[in-house]
PDB file of N, CA and C in Angstrom:
ATOM      1  N   UNK A   1       0.835  -1.185   0.000  1.00  0.00           N
ATOM      2  CA  UNK A   1       0.000   0.000   0.000  1.00  0.00           C
ATOM      3  C   UNK A   1       0.879   1.247   0.000  1.00  0.00           C
ATOM      4  N   UNK A   2       0.418   2.280  -0.687  1.00  0.00           N
ATOM      5  CA  UNK A   2       1.145   3.557  -0.635  1.00  0.00           C
ATOM      6  C   UNK A   2       1.126   4.121   0.785  1.00  0.00           C
ATOM      7  N   UNK A   3       2.082   4.962   1.082  1.00  0.00           N
ATOM      8  CA  UNK A   3       2.154   5.586   2.404  1.00  0.00           C
ATOM      9  C   UNK A   3       0.920   6.440   2.669  1.00  0.00           C
ATOM     10  N   UNK A   4       0.548   6.516   3.935  1.00  0.00           N
ATOM     11  CA  UNK A   4      -0.574   7.344   4.330  1.00  0.00           C
ATOM     12  C   UNK A   4      -0.737   7.324   5.829  1.00  0.00           C
ATOM     13  N   UNK A   5      -1.677   8.106   6.317  1.00  0.00           N
ATOM     14  CA  UNK A   5      -1.930   8.197   7.758  1.00  0.00           C
ATOM     15  C   UNK A   5      -3.066   7.258   8.132  1.00  0.00           C
ATOM     16  N   UNK A   6      -2.888   6.535   9.222  1.00  0.00           N
ATOM     17  CA  UNK A   6      -3.890   5.622   9.737  1.00  0.00           C
ATOM     18  C   UNK A   6      -4.825   6.384  10.669  1.00  0.00           C
ATOM     19  N   UNK A   7      -6.146   6.244  10.469  1.00  0.00           N
ATOM     20  CA  UNK A   7      -7.133   6.927  11.309  1.00  0.00           C
ATOM     21  C   UNK A   7      -8.167   5.915  11.794  1.00  0.00           C
ATOM     22  N   UNK A   8      -8.861   6.297  12.854  1.00  0.00           N
ATOM     23  CA  UNK A   8      -9.961   5.481  13.364  1.00  0.00           C
ATOM     24  C   UNK A   8     -11.261   6.265  13.204  1.00  0.00           C
ATOM     25  N   UNK A   9     -12.375   5.620  13.465  1.00  0.00           N
ATOM     26  CA  UNK A   9     -13.677   6.277  13.335  1.00  0.00           C
ATOM     27  C   UNK A   9     -13.744   7.519  14.223  1.00  0.00           C
ATOM     28  N   UNK A  10     -13.151   7.446  15.400  1.00  0.00           N
ATOM     29  CA  UNK A  10     -13.204   8.598  16.314  1.00  0.00           C
ATOM     30  C   UNK A  10     -12.393   9.796  15.828  1.00  0.00           C
ATOM     31  N   UNK A  11     -11.496   9.589  14.858  1.00  0.00           N
ATOM     32  CA  UNK A  11     -10.672  10.672  14.320  1.00  0.00           C
ATOM     33  C   UNK A  11     -11.356  11.473  13.211  1.00  0.00           C
ATOM     34  N   UNK A  12     -12.456  10.990  12.670  1.00  0.00           N
ATOM     35  CA  UNK A  12     -12.975  11.567  11.433  1.00  0.00           C
ATOM     36  C   UNK A  12     -13.878  12.786  11.599  1.00  0.00           C
ATOM     37  N   UNK A  13     -14.292  13.093  12.801  1.00  0.00           N
ATOM     38  CA  UNK A  13     -15.143  14.266  12.992  1.00  0.00           C
ATOM     39  C   UNK A  13     -14.458  15.517  12.459  1.00  0.00           C
ATOM     40  N   UNK A  14     -13.199  15.686  12.768  1.00  0.00           N
ATOM     41  CA  UNK A  14     -12.470  16.853  12.276  1.00  0.00           C
ATOM     42  C   UNK A  14     -12.312  16.815  10.759  1.00  0.00           C
ATOM     43  N   UNK A  15     -12.177  15.630  10.180  1.00  0.00           N
ATOM     44  CA  UNK A  15     -12.047  15.510   8.727  1.00  0.00           C
ATOM     45  C   UNK A  15     -13.342  15.899   8.019  1.00  0.00           C
ATOM     46  N   UNK A  16     -14.479  15.595   8.642  1.00  0.00           N
ATOM     47  CA  UNK A  16     -15.766  15.951   8.054  1.00  0.00           C
ATOM     48  C   UNK A  16     -15.927  17.466   8.012  1.00  0.00           C
ATOM     49  N   UNK A  17     -15.302  18.156   8.951  1.00  0.00           N
ATOM     50  CA  UNK A  17     -15.410  19.612   9.015  1.00  0.00           C
ATOM     51  C   UNK A  17     -14.387  20.329   8.136  1.00  0.00           C
ATOM     52  N   UNK A  18     -13.180  19.781   8.047  1.00  0.00           N
ATOM     53  CA  UNK A  18     -12.119  20.484   7.311  1.00  0.00           C
ATOM     54  C   UNK A  18     -11.683  19.795   6.031  1.00  0.00           C
ATOM     55  N   UNK A  19     -12.090  18.536   5.816  1.00  0.00           N
ATOM     56  CA  UNK A  19     -11.686  17.791   4.625  1.00  0.00           C
ATOM     57  C   UNK A  19     -10.370  17.067   4.835  1.00  0.00           C
ATOM     58  N   UNK A  20     -10.018  16.252   3.885  1.00  0.00           N
ATOM     59  CA  UNK A  20      -8.791  15.461   4.002  1.00  0.00           C
ATOM     60  C   UNK A  20      -7.571  16.226   3.512  1.00  0.00           C
ATOM     61  N   UNK A  21      -7.773  17.304   2.808  1.00  0.00           N
ATOM     62  CA  UNK A  21      -6.666  18.099   2.313  1.00  0.00           C
ATOM     63  C   UNK A  21      -5.772  17.349   1.341  1.00  0.00           C
ATOM     64  N   UNK A  22      -6.330  16.352   0.665  1.00  0.00           N
ATOM     65  CA  UNK A  22      -5.555  15.580  -0.293  1.00  0.00           C
ATOM     66  C   UNK A  22      -4.656  14.536   0.340  1.00  0.00           C
ATOM     67  N   UNK A  23      -4.677  14.442   1.665  1.00  0.00           N
ATOM     68  CA  UNK A  23      -3.847  13.470   2.370  1.00  0.00           C
ATOM     69  C   UNK A  23      -4.385  12.059   2.149  1.00  0.00           C
ATOM     70  N   UNK A  24      -3.490  11.097   1.953  1.00  0.00           N
ATOM     71  CA  UNK A  24      -3.905   9.696   1.812  1.00  0.00           C
ATOM     72  C   UNK A  24      -4.153   9.144   3.220  1.00  0.00           C
ATOM     73  N   UNK A  25      -5.377   8.638   3.432  1.00  0.00           N
ATOM     74  CA  UNK A  25      -5.787   8.148   4.743  1.00  0.00           C
ATOM     75  C   UNK A  25      -6.245   6.693   4.648  1.00  0.00           C
ATOM     76  N   UNK A  26      -6.013   5.969   5.736  1.00  0.00           N
ATOM     77  CA  UNK A  26      -6.453   4.577   5.846  1.00  0.00           C
ATOM     78  C   UNK A  26      -7.205   4.411   7.160  1.00  0.00           C
ATOM     79  N   UNK A  27      -8.335   3.700   7.112  1.00  0.00           N
ATOM     80  CA  UNK A  27      -9.196   3.510   8.278  1.00  0.00           C
ATOM     81  C   UNK A  27      -9.004   2.116   8.868  1.00  0.00           C
ATOM     82  N   UNK A  28      -8.807   2.074  10.185  1.00  0.00           N
ATOM     83  CA  UNK A  28      -8.723   0.785  10.878  1.00  0.00           C
ATOM     84  C   UNK A  28      -9.702   0.803  12.043  1.00  0.00           C
ATOM     85  N   UNK A  29      -9.975  -0.366  12.605  1.00  0.00           N
ATOM     86  CA  UNK A  29     -10.866  -0.467  13.751  1.00  0.00           C
ATOM     87  C   UNK A  29     -11.694  -1.727  13.714  1.00  0.00           C
ATOM     88  N   UNK A  30     -12.603  -1.842  14.684  1.00  0.00           N
ATOM     89  CA  UNK A  30     -13.543  -2.959  14.763  1.00  0.00           C
ATOM     90  C   UNK A  30     -14.899  -2.476  14.284  1.00  0.00           C
ATOM     91  N   UNK A  31     -15.558  -3.298  13.471  1.00  0.00           N
ATOM     92  CA  UNK A  31     -16.797  -2.879  12.830  1.00  0.00           C
ATOM     93  C   UNK A  31     -17.863  -3.961  12.910  1.00  0.00           C
ATOM     94  N   UNK A  32     -19.116  -3.511  12.812  1.00  0.00           N
ATOM     95  CA  UNK A  32     -20.253  -4.414  12.667  1.00  0.00           C
ATOM     96  C   UNK A  32     -21.008  -3.973  11.412  1.00  0.00           C
ATOM     97  N   UNK A  33     -21.467  -4.938  10.632  1.00  0.00           N
ATOM     98  CA  UNK A  33     -22.131  -4.663   9.361  1.00  0.00           C
ATOM     99  C   UNK A  33     -23.614  -4.407   9.621  1.00  0.00           C
ATOM    100  N   UNK A  34     -24.109  -3.250   9.148  1.00  0.00           N
ATOM    101  CA  UNK A  34     -25.529  -2.911   9.330  1.00  0.00           C
ATOM    102  C   UNK A  34     -26.325  -3.036   8.040  1.00  0.00           C
ATOM    103  N   UNK A  35     -25.644  -3.081   6.894  1.00  0.00           N
ATOM    104  CA  UNK A  35     -26.304  -3.291   5.600  1.00  0.00           C
ATOM    105  C   UNK A  35     -25.262  -3.845   4.638  1.00  0.00           C
ATOM    106  N   UNK A  36     -25.739  -4.656   3.685  1.00  0.00           N
ATOM    107  CA  UNK A  36     -24.813  -5.260   2.730  1.00  0.00           C
ATOM    108  C   UNK A  36     -25.514  -5.462   1.399  1.00  0.00           C
ATOM    109  N   UNK A  37     -24.786  -5.204   0.310  1.00  0.00           N
ATOM    110  CA  UNK A  37     -25.331  -5.363  -1.036  1.00  0.00           C
ATOM    111  C   UNK A  37     -24.346  -6.080  -1.927  1.00  0.00           C
ATOM    112  N   UNK A  38     -24.485  -5.889  -3.244  1.00  0.00           N
ATOM    113  CA  UNK A  38     -23.630  -6.581  -4.206  1.00  0.00           C
ATOM    114  C   UNK A  38     -22.152  -6.246  -4.046  1.00  0.00           C
ATOM    115  N   UNK A  39     -21.824  -4.965  -3.997  1.00  0.00           N
ATOM    116  CA  UNK A  39     -20.417  -4.558  -3.884  1.00  0.00           C
ATOM    117  C   UNK A  39     -20.195  -3.559  -2.752  1.00  0.00           C
ATOM    118  N   UNK A  40     -21.211  -3.330  -1.932  1.00  0.00           N
ATOM    119  CA  UNK A  40     -21.098  -2.356  -0.847  1.00  0.00           C
ATOM    120  C   UNK A  40     -21.578  -2.932   0.465  1.00  0.00           C
ATOM    121  N   UNK A  41     -21.065  -2.341   1.540  1.00  0.00           N
ATOM    122  CA  UNK A  41     -21.540  -2.650   2.879  1.00  0.00           C
ATOM    123  C   UNK A  41     -21.500  -1.369   3.699  1.00  0.00           C
ATOM    124  N   UNK A  42     -22.410  -1.274   4.659  1.00  0.00           N
ATOM    125  CA  UNK A  42     -22.439  -0.147   5.582  1.00  0.00           C
ATOM    126  C   UNK A  42     -22.043  -0.688   6.944  1.00  0.00           C
ATOM    127  N   UNK A  43     -21.073  -0.028   7.558  1.00  0.00           N
ATOM    128  CA  UNK A  43     -20.526  -0.474   8.825  1.00  0.00           C
ATOM    129  C   UNK A  43     -20.694   0.591   9.896  1.00  0.00           C
ATOM    130  N   UNK A  44     -20.686   0.158  11.142  1.00  0.00           N
ATOM    131  CA  UNK A  44     -20.616   1.052  12.306  1.00  0.00           C
ATOM    132  C   UNK A  44     -19.455   0.564  13.155  1.00  0.00           C
ATOM    133  N   UNK A  45     -18.889   1.467  13.940  1.00  0.00           N
ATOM    134  CA  UNK A  45     -17.826   1.074  14.862  1.00  0.00           C
ATOM    135  C   UNK A  45     -18.398   0.075  15.860  1.00  0.00           C
ATOM    136  N   UNK A  46     -17.646  -0.975  16.141  1.00  0.00           N
ATOM    137  CA  UNK A  46     -18.069  -2.010  17.088  1.00  0.00           C
ATOM    138  C   UNK A  46     -17.118  -1.953  18.266  1.00  0.00           C
ATOM    139  N   UNK A  47     -17.578  -1.352  19.347  1.00  0.00           N
ATOM    140  CA  UNK A  47     -16.704  -1.186  20.506  1.00  0.00           C
ATOM    141  C   UNK A  47     -17.228  -1.908  21.741  1.00  0.00           C
ATOM    142  N   UNK A  48     -18.033  -2.944  21.565  1.00  0.00           N
ATOM    143  CA  UNK A  48     -18.564  -3.695  22.694  1.00  0.00           C
ATOM    144  C   UNK A  48     -19.824  -3.057  23.258  1.00  0.00           C
ATOM    145  N   UNK A  49     -20.480  -3.744  24.187  1.00  0.00           N
ATOM    146  CA  UNK A  49     -21.758  -3.293  24.738  1.00  0.00           C
ATOM    147  C   UNK A  49     -21.658  -1.939  25.421  1.00  0.00           C
ATOM    148  N   UNK A  50     -20.669  -1.756  26.265  1.00  0.00           N
ATOM    149  CA  UNK A  50     -20.526  -0.472  26.953  1.00  0.00           C
ATOM    150  C   UNK A  50     -20.144   0.614  25.951  1.00  0.00           C
ATOM    151  N   UNK A  51     -19.232   0.287  25.055  1.00  0.00           N
ATOM    152  CA  UNK A  51     -18.820   1.252  24.038  1.00  0.00           C
ATOM    153  C   UNK A  51     -19.973   1.654  23.151  1.00  0.00           C
ATOM    154  N   UNK A  52     -20.832   0.711  22.792  1.00  0.00           N
ATOM    155  CA  UNK A  52     -21.978   1.031  21.942  1.00  0.00           C
ATOM    156  C   UNK A  52     -22.946   1.963  22.651  1.00  0.00           C
ATOM    157  N   UNK A  53     -23.146   1.776  23.950  1.00  0.00           N
ATOM    158  CA  UNK A  53     -24.031   2.656  24.708  1.00  0.00           C
ATOM    159  C   UNK A  53     -23.471   4.071  24.742  1.00  0.00           C
ATOM    160  N   UNK A  54     -22.167   4.178  24.933  1.00  0.00           N
ATOM    161  CA  UNK A  54     -21.524   5.492  24.940  1.00  0.00           C
ATOM    162  C   UNK A  54     -21.557   6.103  23.549  1.00  0.00           C
ATOM    163  N   UNK A  55     -21.258   5.292  22.534  1.00  0.00           N
ATOM    164  CA  UNK A  55     -21.211   5.792  21.160  1.00  0.00           C
ATOM    165  C   UNK A  55     -22.550   6.330  20.696  1.00  0.00           C
ATOM    166  N   UNK A  56     -23.636   5.809  21.237  1.00  0.00           N
ATOM    167  CA  UNK A  56     -24.946   6.258  20.787  1.00  0.00           C
ATOM    168  C   UNK A  56     -25.217   7.710  21.150  1.00  0.00           C
ATOM    169  N   UNK A  57     -24.482   8.268  22.110  1.00  0.00           N
ATOM    170  CA  UNK A  57     -24.692   9.666  22.490  1.00  0.00           C
ATOM    171  C   UNK A  57     -23.493  10.549  22.141  1.00  0.00           C
ATOM    172  N   UNK A  58     -22.528   9.995  21.409  1.00  0.00           N
ATOM    173  CA  UNK A  58     -21.363  10.779  20.991  1.00  0.00           C
ATOM    174  C   UNK A  58     -21.326  10.882  19.489  1.00  0.00           C
ATOM    175  N   UNK A  59     -20.359  11.618  18.966  1.00  0.00           N
ATOM    176  CA  UNK A  59     -20.203  11.751  17.524  1.00  0.00           C
ATOM    177  C   UNK A  59     -19.946  10.407  16.865  1.00  0.00           C
ATOM    178  N   UNK A  60     -19.263   9.511  17.567  1.00  0.00           N
ATOM    179  CA  UNK A  60     -18.985   8.204  16.990  1.00  0.00           C
ATOM    180  C   UNK A  60     -20.285   7.455  16.712  1.00  0.00           C
ATOM    181  N   UNK A  61     -21.319   7.725  17.478  1.00  0.00           N
ATOM    182  CA  UNK A  61     -22.591   7.051  17.297  1.00  0.00           C
ATOM    183  C   UNK A  61     -23.323   7.460  16.032  1.00  0.00           C
ATOM    184  N   UNK A  62     -22.958   8.590  15.438  1.00  0.00           N
ATOM    185  CA  UNK A  62     -23.605   9.036  14.216  1.00  0.00           C
ATOM    186  C   UNK A  62     -22.651   8.957  13.028  1.00  0.00           C
ATOM    187  N   UNK A  63     -21.722   8.039  13.096  1.00  0.00           N
ATOM    188  CA  UNK A  63     -20.762   7.849  12.023  1.00  0.00           C
ATOM    189  C   UNK A  63     -20.987   6.493  11.384  1.00  0.00           C
ATOM    190  N   UNK A  64     -21.046   6.495  10.071  1.00  0.00           N
ATOM    191  CA  UNK A  64     -21.136   5.216   9.376  1.00  0.00           C
ATOM    192  C   UNK A  64     -20.049   5.159   8.313  1.00  0.00           C
ATOM    193  N   UNK A  65     -19.659   3.933   8.006  1.00  0.00           N
ATOM    194  CA  UNK A  65     -18.613   3.685   7.030  1.00  0.00           C
ATOM    195  C   UNK A  65     -19.251   2.974   5.849  1.00  0.00           C
ATOM    196  N   UNK A  66     -19.124   3.537   4.667  1.00  0.00           N
ATOM    197  CA  UNK A  66     -19.664   2.925   3.456  1.00  0.00           C
ATOM    198  C   UNK A  66     -18.478   2.371   2.676  1.00  0.00           C
ATOM    199  N   UNK A  67     -18.448   1.033   2.562  1.00  0.00           N
ATOM    200  CA  UNK A  67     -17.312   0.359   1.944  1.00  0.00           C
ATOM    201  C   UNK A  67     -17.669  -0.105   0.543  1.00  0.00           C
ATOM    202  N   UNK A  68     -16.805   0.179  -0.410  1.00  0.00           N
ATOM    203  CA  UNK A  68     -16.931  -0.317  -1.779  1.00  0.00           C
ATOM    204  C   UNK A  68     -15.939  -1.477  -1.924  1.00  0.00           C
ATOM    205  N   UNK A  69     -16.476  -2.663  -2.217  1.00  0.00           N
ATOM    206  CA  UNK A  69     -15.656  -3.852  -2.408  1.00  0.00           C
ATOM    207  C   UNK A  69     -15.441  -4.097  -3.901  1.00  0.00           C
ATOM    208  N   UNK A  70     -14.327  -4.714  -4.270  1.00  0.00           N
ATOM    209  CA  UNK A  70     -14.079  -5.003  -5.687  1.00  0.00           C
ATOM    210  C   UNK A  70     -15.171  -5.909  -6.268  1.00  0.00           C
ATOM    211  N   UNK A  71     -15.473  -5.720  -7.537  1.00  0.00           N
ATOM    212  CA  UNK A  71     -16.434  -6.582  -8.224  1.00  0.00           C
ATOM    213  C   UNK A  71     -15.936  -8.021  -8.130  1.00  0.00           C
ATOM    214  N   UNK A  72     -16.840  -8.915  -7.805  1.00  0.00           N
ATOM    215  CA  UNK A  72     -16.481 -10.325  -7.685  1.00  0.00           C
ATOM    216  C   UNK A  72     -16.177 -10.765  -6.269  1.00  0.00           C
ATOM    217  N   UNK A  73     -15.970  -9.814  -5.367  1.00  0.00           N
ATOM    218  CA  UNK A  73     -15.751 -10.202  -3.966  1.00  0.00           C
ATOM    219  C   UNK A  73     -17.081 -10.135  -3.224  1.00  0.00           C
ATOM    220  N   UNK A  74     -17.186 -10.875  -2.157  1.00  0.00           N
ATOM    221  CA  UNK A  74     -18.421 -10.955  -1.382  1.00  0.00           C
ATOM    222  C   UNK A  74     -18.331 -10.038  -0.162  1.00  0.00           C
ATOM    223  N   UNK A  75     -19.149  -8.977  -0.093  1.00  0.00           N
ATOM    224  CA  UNK A  75     -19.165  -8.150   1.115  1.00  0.00           C
ATOM    225  C   UNK A  75     -19.617  -8.974   2.318  1.00  0.00           C
ATOM    226  N   UNK A  76     -19.226  -8.596   3.522  1.00  0.00           N
ATOM    227  CA  UNK A  76     -19.629  -9.343   4.721  1.00  0.00           C
ATOM    228  C   UNK A  76     -21.140  -9.277   4.944  1.00  0.00           C
ATOM    229  N   UNK A  77     -21.657 -10.266   5.627  1.00  0.00           N
ATOM    230  CA  UNK A  77     -23.091 -10.365   5.898  1.00  0.00           C
ATOM    231  C   UNK A  77     -23.525  -9.380   6.986  1.00  0.00           C
ATOM    232  N   UNK A  78     -24.790  -8.982   6.935  1.00  0.00           N
ATOM    233  CA  UNK A  78     -25.374  -8.102   7.944  1.00  0.00           C
ATOM    234  C   UNK A  78     -25.250  -8.765   9.313  1.00  0.00           C
ATOM    235  N   UNK A  79     -24.917  -7.971  10.309  1.00  0.00           N
ATOM    236  CA  UNK A  79     -24.709  -8.360  11.703  1.00  0.00           C
ATOM    237  C   UNK A  79     -23.386  -9.073  11.963  1.00  0.00           C
ATOM    238  N   UNK A  80     -22.579  -9.276  10.923  1.00  0.00           N
ATOM    239  CA  UNK A  80     -21.263  -9.862  11.177  1.00  0.00           C
ATOM    240  C   UNK A  80     -20.338  -8.761  11.685  1.00  0.00           C
ATOM    241  N   UNK A  81     -19.309  -9.161  12.370  1.00  0.00           N
ATOM    242  CA  UNK A  81     -18.343  -8.188  12.864  1.00  0.00           C
ATOM    243  C   UNK A  81     -16.946  -8.621  12.457  1.00  0.00           C
ATOM    244  N   UNK A  82     -16.072  -7.654  12.315  1.00  0.00           N
ATOM    245  CA  UNK A  82     -14.689  -7.936  11.954  1.00  0.00           C
ATOM    246  C   UNK A  82     -13.842  -6.728  12.300  1.00  0.00           C
ATOM    247  N   UNK A  83     -12.541  -6.907  12.239  1.00  0.00           N
ATOM    248  CA  UNK A  83     -11.618  -5.816  12.544  1.00  0.00           C
ATOM    249  C   UNK A  83     -10.638  -5.642  11.399  1.00  0.00           C
ATOM    250  N   UNK A  84     -10.182  -4.426  11.232  1.00  0.00           N
ATOM    251  CA  UNK A  84      -9.124  -4.102  10.278  1.00  0.00           C
ATOM    252  C   UNK A  84      -7.995  -3.469  11.078  1.00  0.00           C
ATOM    253  N   UNK A  85      -6.814  -4.070  10.990  1.00  0.00           N
ATOM    254  CA  UNK A  85      -5.671  -3.534  11.715  1.00  0.00           C
ATOM    255  C   UNK A  85      -4.768  -2.729  10.785  1.00  0.00           C
ATOM    256  N   UNK A  86      -3.609  -2.356  11.295  1.00  0.00           N
ATOM    257  CA  UNK A  86      -2.676  -1.517  10.540  1.00  0.00           C
ATOM    258  C   UNK A  86      -2.197  -2.169   9.251  1.00  0.00           C
ATOM    259  N   UNK A  87      -2.195  -3.498   9.204  1.00  0.00           N
ATOM    260  CA  UNK A  87      -1.682  -4.182   8.019  1.00  0.00           C
ATOM    261  C   UNK A  87      -2.720  -4.336   6.914  1.00  0.00           C
ATOM    262  N   UNK A  88      -3.990  -4.104   7.231  1.00  0.00           N
ATOM    263  CA  UNK A  88      -5.045  -4.275   6.223  1.00  0.00           C
ATOM    264  C   UNK A  88      -6.199  -3.292   6.425  1.00  0.00           C
ATOM    265  N   UNK A  89      -5.925  -1.995   6.391  1.00  0.00           N
ATOM    266  CA  UNK A  89      -6.995  -1.008   6.582  1.00  0.00           C
ATOM    267  C   UNK A  89      -7.765  -0.747   5.285  1.00  0.00           C
ATOM    268  N   UNK A  90      -8.842   0.017   5.415  1.00  0.00           N
ATOM    269  CA  UNK A  90      -9.583   0.502   4.247  1.00  0.00           C
ATOM    270  C   UNK A  90      -8.960   1.823   3.794  1.00  0.00           C
ATOM    271  N   UNK A  91      -8.988   2.106   2.495  1.00  0.00           N
ATOM    272  CA  UNK A  91      -8.531   3.396   1.994  1.00  0.00           C
ATOM    273  C   UNK A  91      -9.697   4.383   2.053  1.00  0.00           C
ATOM    274  N   UNK A  92      -9.492   5.508   2.698  1.00  0.00           N
ATOM    275  CA  UNK A  92     -10.521   6.545   2.819  1.00  0.00           C
ATOM    276  C   UNK A  92     -10.561   7.351   1.524  1.00  0.00           C
ATOM    277  N   UNK A  93     -11.736   7.413   0.910  1.00  0.00           N
ATOM    278  CA  UNK A  93     -11.913   8.176  -0.320  1.00  0.00           C
ATOM    279  C   UNK A  93     -12.524   9.553  -0.048  1.00  0.00           C
ATOM    280  N   UNK A  94     -13.416   9.627   0.957  1.00  0.00           N
ATOM    281  CA  UNK A  94     -14.086  10.891   1.258  1.00  0.00           C
ATOM    282  C   UNK A  94     -14.712  10.813   2.642  1.00  0.00           C
ATOM    283  N   UNK A  95     -14.884  11.961   3.277  1.00  0.00           N
ATOM    284  CA  UNK A  95     -15.573  12.065   4.561  1.00  0.00           C
ATOM    285  C   UNK A  95     -16.517  13.251   4.451  1.00  0.00           C
ATOM    286  N   UNK A  96     -17.803  13.012   4.750  1.00  0.00           N
ATOM    287  CA  UNK A  96     -18.804  14.081   4.636  1.00  0.00           C
ATOM    288  C   UNK A  96     -19.727  14.076   5.845  1.00  0.00           C
ATOM    289  N   UNK A  97     -20.141  15.272   6.244  1.00  0.00           N
ATOM    290  CA  UNK A  97     -21.139  15.414   7.300  1.00  0.00           C
ATOM    291  C   UNK A  97     -22.440  15.848   6.643  1.00  0.00           C
ATOM    292  N   UNK A  98     -23.518  15.097   6.884  1.00  0.00           N
ATOM    293  CA  UNK A  98     -24.835  15.458   6.363  1.00  0.00           C
ATOM    294  C   UNK A  98     -25.415  16.623   7.159  1.00  0.00           C
ATOM    295  N   UNK A  99     -26.485  17.192   6.642  1.00  0.00           N
ATOM    296  CA  UNK A  99     -27.154  18.309   7.302  1.00  0.00           C
ATOM    297  C   UNK A  99     -27.673  17.948   8.695  1.00  0.00           C
ATOM    298  N   UNK A 100     -27.937  16.656   8.943  1.00  0.00           N
ATOM    299  CA  UNK A 100     -28.436  16.218  10.248  1.00  0.00           C
ATOM    300  C   UNK A 100     -27.323  15.792  11.210  1.00  0.00           C
ATOM    301  N   UNK A 101     -26.055  15.968  10.819  1.00  0.00           N
ATOM    302  CA  UNK A 101     -24.934  15.632  11.691  1.00  0.00           C
ATOM    303  C   UNK A 101     -24.323  14.263  11.439  1.00  0.00           C
ATOM    304  N   UNK A 102     -24.990  13.433  10.665  1.00  0.00           N
ATOM    305  CA  UNK A 102     -24.482  12.098  10.316  1.00  0.00           C
ATOM    306  C   UNK A 102     -23.165  12.242   9.565  1.00  0.00           C
ATOM    307  N   UNK A 103     -22.116  11.540  10.016  1.00  0.00           N
ATOM    308  CA  UNK A 103     -20.836  11.542   9.311  1.00  0.00           C
ATOM    309  C   UNK A 103     -20.750  10.268   8.493  1.00  0.00           C
ATOM    310  N   UNK A 104     -20.455  10.412   7.212  1.00  0.00           N
ATOM    311  CA  UNK A 104     -20.279   9.276   6.312  1.00  0.00           C
ATOM    312  C   UNK A 104     -18.820   9.209   5.884  1.00  0.00           C
ATOM    313  N   UNK A 105     -18.215   8.061   6.114  1.00  0.00           N
ATOM    314  CA  UNK A 105     -16.840   7.823   5.688  1.00  0.00           C
ATOM    315  C   UNK A 105     -16.918   6.877   4.500  1.00  0.00           C
ATOM    316  N   UNK A 106     -16.498   7.327   3.340  1.00  0.00           N
ATOM    317  CA  UNK A 106     -16.506   6.509   2.135  1.00  0.00           C
ATOM    318  C   UNK A 106     -15.126   5.899   1.972  1.00  0.00           C
ATOM    319  N   UNK A 107     -15.076   4.571   1.960  1.00  0.00           N
ATOM    320  CA  UNK A 107     -13.802   3.861   1.868  1.00  0.00           C
ATOM    321  C   UNK A 107     -13.887   2.790   0.814  1.00  0.00           C
ATOM    322  N   UNK A 108     -12.716   2.243   0.474  1.00  0.00           N
ATOM    323  CA  UNK A 108     -12.712   1.111  -0.443  1.00  0.00           C
ATOM    324  C   UNK A 108     -11.759   0.053   0.060  1.00  0.00           C
ATOM    325  N   UNK A 109     -12.078  -1.160  -0.304  1.00  0.00           N
ATOM    326  CA  UNK A 109     -11.229  -2.309   0.000  1.00  0.00           C
ATOM    327  C   UNK A 109     -10.016  -2.210  -0.914  1.00  0.00           C
ATOM    328  N   UNK A 110      -8.821  -2.284  -0.358  1.00  0.00           N
ATOM    329  CA  UNK A 110      -7.622  -2.154  -1.199  1.00  0.00           C
ATOM    330  C   UNK A 110      -6.737  -3.390  -1.187  1.00  0.00           C
ATOM    331  N   UNK A 111      -6.946  -4.296  -0.282  1.00  0.00           N
ATOM    332  CA  UNK A 111      -6.136  -5.506  -0.209  1.00  0.00           C
ATOM    333  C   UNK A 111      -7.017  -6.736  -0.082  1.00  0.00           C
ATOM    334  N   UNK A 112      -6.469  -7.864  -0.366  1.00  0.00           N
ATOM    335  CA  UNK A 112      -7.197  -9.114  -0.191  1.00  0.00           C
ATOM    336  C   UNK A 112      -6.576  -9.897   0.941  1.00  0.00           C
ATOM    337  N   UNK A 113      -7.354 -10.761   1.591  1.00  0.00           N
ATOM    338  CA  UNK A 113      -6.829 -11.525   2.734  1.00  0.00           C
ATOM    339  C   UNK A 113      -5.718 -12.473   2.329  1.00  0.00           C
TER     340      UNK A 113
END
């Protein structure tokens, strides 16, 4: 992978406000799948029961990750969970804040297992 900065879901609030500035970013963390389609999946940060309760009232609770998977690969199933570490993160393509405060992180799968 090309060089870039590793970020987590909790780091992206500032990116939604100021943009990535052309910097190459990679997203890591633990996730749970909330929706899945042919080449896309929608993820939320998975930080355990206590973390989820806290996240529901913080900025992290209104952040979702939209992943674009390569054609021919199978996105993970709804309600499955998985983690991405430093060796296999997602590439961040864009970060946007909706009018209602929802932060969307658009990423793509860049490596295979």
